[in-house]
Amino acid sequence: MVEVNLWSGLRHFTDGAVTVEVEAKNVGEVLEGLVKLHPELGDIIDAGVSVAVDGKVIASGLTEKVRPESEVFIIQQLKGG
């Protein structure tokens, strides 16, 4: 299981939970797991979020590996400009 930390705007979709545990081996599975547990997160995740794993914002895609001890954060989508 991977513990996923959520930004405060998502917590009302998870009954106030600050973290959610999902079974996942990569970033894509983390996002799928969140939607499976909390379907109301689907639209927000589909619109775009950023994922940080062990202090690194993942820009390379959904195949970035995560481990049970990884520190994972779902944050508002970061955009350059």
N, C-alpha and C. Protein backbone atom coordinates (compact mmCIF):
# COMPACT_ATOMS: atom_id res chain seq x y z
N MET A 1 0.84 -1.18 0.00
CA MET A 1 0.00 0.00 0.00
C MET A 1 0.89 1.24 0.00
N VAL A 2 0.40 2.25 -0.69
CA VAL A 2 1.09 3.53 -0.78
C VAL A 2 0.20 4.58 -0.12
N GLU A 3 0.77 5.36 0.77
CA GLU A 3 0.02 6.45 1.40
C GLU A 3 0.11 7.69 0.51
N VAL A 4 -1.04 8.23 0.15
CA VAL A 4 -1.12 9.38 -0.73
C VAL A 4 -1.64 10.57 0.07
N ASN A 5 -0.87 11.65 0.05
CA ASN A 5 -1.24 12.89 0.73
C ASN A 5 -2.03 13.77 -0.23
N LEU A 6 -3.11 14.33 0.24
CA LEU A 6 -4.00 15.13 -0.61
C LEU A 6 -3.95 16.60 -0.23
N TRP A 7 -4.05 17.49 -1.24
CA TRP A 7 -4.15 18.91 -0.91
C TRP A 7 -5.52 19.17 -0.33
N SER A 8 -5.63 20.24 0.43
CA SER A 8 -6.83 20.49 1.23
C SER A 8 -8.11 20.56 0.40
N GLY A 9 -8.05 21.02 -0.84
CA GLY A 9 -9.23 21.11 -1.68
C GLY A 9 -9.85 19.78 -2.05
N LEU A 10 -9.09 18.70 -1.91
CA LEU A 10 -9.62 17.37 -2.25
C LEU A 10 -10.26 16.67 -1.06
N ARG A 11 -10.02 17.16 0.10
CA ARG A 11 -10.43 16.42 1.30
C ARG A 11 -11.93 16.30 1.48
N HIS A 12 -12.71 17.24 0.93
CA HIS A 12 -14.17 17.09 1.07
C HIS A 12 -14.70 15.98 0.16
N PHE A 13 -13.88 15.50 -0.78
CA PHE A 13 -14.26 14.35 -1.61
C PHE A 13 -13.89 13.02 -0.95
N THR A 14 -13.09 13.10 0.13
CA THR A 14 -12.61 11.89 0.81
C THR A 14 -13.06 11.84 2.26
N ASP A 15 -14.21 12.46 2.53
CA ASP A 15 -14.76 12.51 3.89
C ASP A 15 -13.77 13.10 4.88
N GLY A 16 -12.97 14.07 4.43
CA GLY A 16 -12.04 14.76 5.30
C GLY A 16 -10.68 14.10 5.46
N ALA A 17 -10.48 12.97 4.82
CA ALA A 17 -9.19 12.28 4.96
C ALA A 17 -8.06 13.11 4.37
N VAL A 18 -6.98 13.23 5.11
CA VAL A 18 -5.79 13.95 4.67
C VAL A 18 -4.92 13.03 3.81
N THR A 19 -4.95 11.74 4.12
CA THR A 19 -4.22 10.74 3.35
C THR A 19 -5.15 9.58 3.00
N VAL A 20 -4.81 8.92 1.90
CA VAL A 20 -5.55 7.75 1.45
C VAL A 20 -4.52 6.69 1.07
N GLU A 21 -4.77 5.46 1.46
CA GLU A 21 -3.87 4.37 1.08
C GLU A 21 -4.44 3.62 -0.11
N VAL A 22 -3.57 3.40 -1.12
CA VAL A 22 -3.97 2.66 -2.31
C VAL A 22 -2.92 1.62 -2.64
N GLU A 23 -3.33 0.59 -3.31
CA GLU A 23 -2.42 -0.44 -3.82
C GLU A 23 -1.92 0.05 -5.16
N ALA A 24 -0.61 0.31 -5.28
CA ALA A 24 -0.08 0.87 -6.52
C ALA A 24 1.41 0.60 -6.65
N LYS A 25 1.84 0.43 -7.89
CA LYS A 25 3.26 0.26 -8.20
C LYS A 25 3.80 1.41 -9.04
N ASN A 26 2.89 2.26 -9.56
CA ASN A 26 3.32 3.42 -10.34
C ASN A 26 2.30 4.55 -10.18
N VAL A 27 2.63 5.72 -10.71
CA VAL A 27 1.78 6.89 -10.55
C VAL A 27 0.39 6.67 -11.14
N GLY A 28 0.31 6.02 -12.29
CA GLY A 28 -0.99 5.75 -12.90
C GLY A 28 -1.88 4.92 -12.00
N GLU A 29 -1.30 3.91 -11.36
CA GLU A 29 -2.08 3.08 -10.44
C GLU A 29 -2.48 3.85 -9.19
N VAL A 30 -1.66 4.81 -8.76
CA VAL A 30 -2.03 5.66 -7.64
C VAL A 30 -3.31 6.42 -7.98
N LEU A 31 -3.31 7.05 -9.15
CA LEU A 31 -4.48 7.83 -9.56
C LEU A 31 -5.71 6.95 -9.75
N GLU A 32 -5.53 5.79 -10.37
CA GLU A 32 -6.64 4.85 -10.55
C GLU A 32 -7.18 4.39 -9.20
N GLY A 33 -6.29 4.12 -8.27
CA GLY A 33 -6.70 3.67 -6.94
C GLY A 33 -7.49 4.73 -6.19
N LEU A 34 -7.07 5.99 -6.33
CA LEU A 34 -7.81 7.08 -5.69
C LEU A 34 -9.23 7.17 -6.23
N VAL A 35 -9.37 7.08 -7.55
CA VAL A 35 -10.70 7.17 -8.16
C VAL A 35 -11.56 5.96 -7.79
N LYS A 36 -10.93 4.82 -7.69
CA LYS A 36 -11.68 3.61 -7.32
C LYS A 36 -12.25 3.75 -5.90
N LEU A 37 -11.45 4.29 -4.99
CA LEU A 37 -11.91 4.47 -3.61
C LEU A 37 -12.84 5.66 -3.44
N HIS A 38 -12.60 6.71 -4.24
CA HIS A 38 -13.37 7.95 -4.13
C HIS A 38 -13.72 8.42 -5.54
N PRO A 39 -14.76 7.85 -6.15
CA PRO A 39 -15.11 8.15 -7.54
C PRO A 39 -15.31 9.64 -7.82
N GLU A 40 -15.72 10.40 -6.81
CA GLU A 40 -15.92 11.83 -7.03
C GLU A 40 -14.62 12.58 -7.33
N LEU A 41 -13.47 11.95 -7.13
CA LEU A 41 -12.19 12.56 -7.50
C LEU A 41 -11.90 12.42 -9.00
N GLY A 42 -12.66 11.60 -9.70
CA GLY A 42 -12.39 11.31 -11.11
C GLY A 42 -12.33 12.54 -11.98
N ASP A 43 -13.31 13.43 -11.89
CA ASP A 43 -13.33 14.63 -12.73
C ASP A 43 -12.12 15.52 -12.47
N ILE A 44 -11.75 15.66 -11.21
CA ILE A 44 -10.60 16.50 -10.86
C ILE A 44 -9.31 15.90 -11.39
N ILE A 45 -9.14 14.61 -11.22
CA ILE A 45 -7.94 13.94 -11.71
C ILE A 45 -7.90 13.98 -13.23
N ASP A 46 -9.04 13.77 -13.88
CA ASP A 46 -9.10 13.84 -15.34
C ASP A 46 -8.75 15.24 -15.86
N ALA A 47 -9.13 16.27 -15.11
CA ALA A 47 -8.84 17.65 -15.52
C ALA A 47 -7.36 17.97 -15.39
N GLY A 48 -6.67 17.23 -14.53
CA GLY A 48 -5.23 17.40 -14.38
C GLY A 48 -4.80 17.73 -12.97
N VAL A 49 -3.91 16.93 -12.47
CA VAL A 49 -3.28 17.16 -11.17
C VAL A 49 -1.78 16.93 -11.36
N SER A 50 -1.02 17.37 -10.40
CA SER A 50 0.41 17.06 -10.38
C SER A 50 0.64 16.06 -9.27
N VAL A 51 1.63 15.20 -9.48
CA VAL A 51 1.97 14.18 -8.50
C VAL A 51 3.44 14.35 -8.15
N ALA A 52 3.73 14.39 -6.86
CA ALA A 52 5.11 14.44 -6.40
C ALA A 52 5.41 13.13 -5.68
N VAL A 53 6.53 12.52 -6.05
CA VAL A 53 6.97 11.28 -5.42
C VAL A 53 8.35 11.53 -4.85
N ASP A 54 8.47 11.34 -3.56
CA ASP A 54 9.74 11.51 -2.86
C ASP A 54 10.39 12.86 -3.18
N GLY A 55 9.56 13.91 -3.18
CA GLY A 55 10.04 15.26 -3.36
C GLY A 55 10.26 15.70 -4.80
N LYS A 56 9.95 14.85 -5.76
CA LYS A 56 10.15 15.17 -7.17
C LYS A 56 8.80 15.20 -7.87
N VAL A 57 8.47 16.34 -8.50
CA VAL A 57 7.23 16.43 -9.27
C VAL A 57 7.43 15.60 -10.53
N ILE A 58 6.52 14.68 -10.77
CA ILE A 58 6.63 13.74 -11.89
C ILE A 58 6.11 14.39 -13.15
N ALA A 59 6.99 14.52 -14.11
CA ALA A 59 6.60 15.10 -15.40
C ALA A 59 6.69 14.05 -16.50
N SER A 60 7.25 12.90 -16.18
CA SER A 60 7.53 11.88 -17.20
C SER A 60 6.36 10.96 -17.49
N GLY A 61 5.28 11.07 -16.75
CA GLY A 61 4.12 10.25 -17.06
C GLY A 61 3.69 9.33 -15.94
N LEU A 62 2.80 8.46 -16.29
CA LEU A 62 2.13 7.61 -15.31
C LEU A 62 2.90 6.36 -14.93
N THR A 63 4.01 6.09 -15.60
CA THR A 63 4.75 4.86 -15.34
C THR A 63 5.83 5.01 -14.28
N GLU A 64 6.00 6.21 -13.74
CA GLU A 64 6.98 6.44 -12.67
C GLU A 64 6.65 5.53 -11.50
N LYS A 65 7.62 4.77 -11.05
CA LYS A 65 7.40 3.79 -9.99
C LYS A 65 7.21 4.45 -8.63
N VAL A 66 6.39 3.81 -7.81
CA VAL A 66 6.23 4.17 -6.41
C VAL A 66 6.43 2.90 -5.59
N ARG A 67 6.91 3.10 -4.37
CA ARG A 67 7.12 1.99 -3.44
C ARG A 67 6.26 2.21 -2.20
N PRO A 68 6.02 1.20 -1.43
CA PRO A 68 5.20 1.39 -0.22
C PRO A 68 5.74 2.49 0.69
N GLU A 69 7.04 2.68 0.71
CA GLU A 69 7.63 3.71 1.58
C GLU A 69 7.75 5.08 0.89
N SER A 70 7.31 5.19 -0.36
CA SER A 70 7.38 6.46 -1.07
C SER A 70 6.50 7.51 -0.42
N GLU A 71 6.96 8.76 -0.48
CA GLU A 71 6.17 9.89 -0.03
C GLU A 71 5.47 10.45 -1.27
N VAL A 72 4.15 10.31 -1.33
CA VAL A 72 3.39 10.69 -2.52
C VAL A 72 2.41 11.80 -2.17
N PHE A 73 2.42 12.87 -2.98
CA PHE A 73 1.51 13.99 -2.80
C PHE A 73 0.76 14.25 -4.09
N ILE A 74 -0.55 14.42 -4.00
CA ILE A 74 -1.35 14.89 -5.12
C ILE A 74 -1.56 16.37 -4.86
N ILE A 75 -1.13 17.19 -5.83
CA ILE A 75 -1.20 18.63 -5.68
C ILE A 75 -1.89 19.24 -6.90
N GLN A 76 -2.30 20.50 -6.74
CA GLN A 76 -2.92 21.19 -7.87
C GLN A 76 -1.93 21.19 -9.03
N GLN A 77 -2.47 21.10 -10.23
CA GLN A 77 -1.64 21.00 -11.42
C GLN A 77 -0.71 22.20 -11.52
N LEU A 78 0.57 21.90 -11.71
CA LEU A 78 1.57 22.94 -11.90
C LEU A 78 1.71 23.21 -13.39
N LYS A 79 1.64 24.49 -13.74
CA LYS A 79 1.75 24.87 -15.15
C LYS A 79 2.82 25.94 -15.27
N GLY A 80 3.59 25.83 -16.33
CA GLY A 80 4.61 26.84 -16.58
C GLY A 80 4.02 28.00 -17.35
N GLY A 81 4.79 29.05 -17.42
CA GLY A 81 4.24 30.19 -18.15
C GLY A 81 5.27 31.21 -18.49
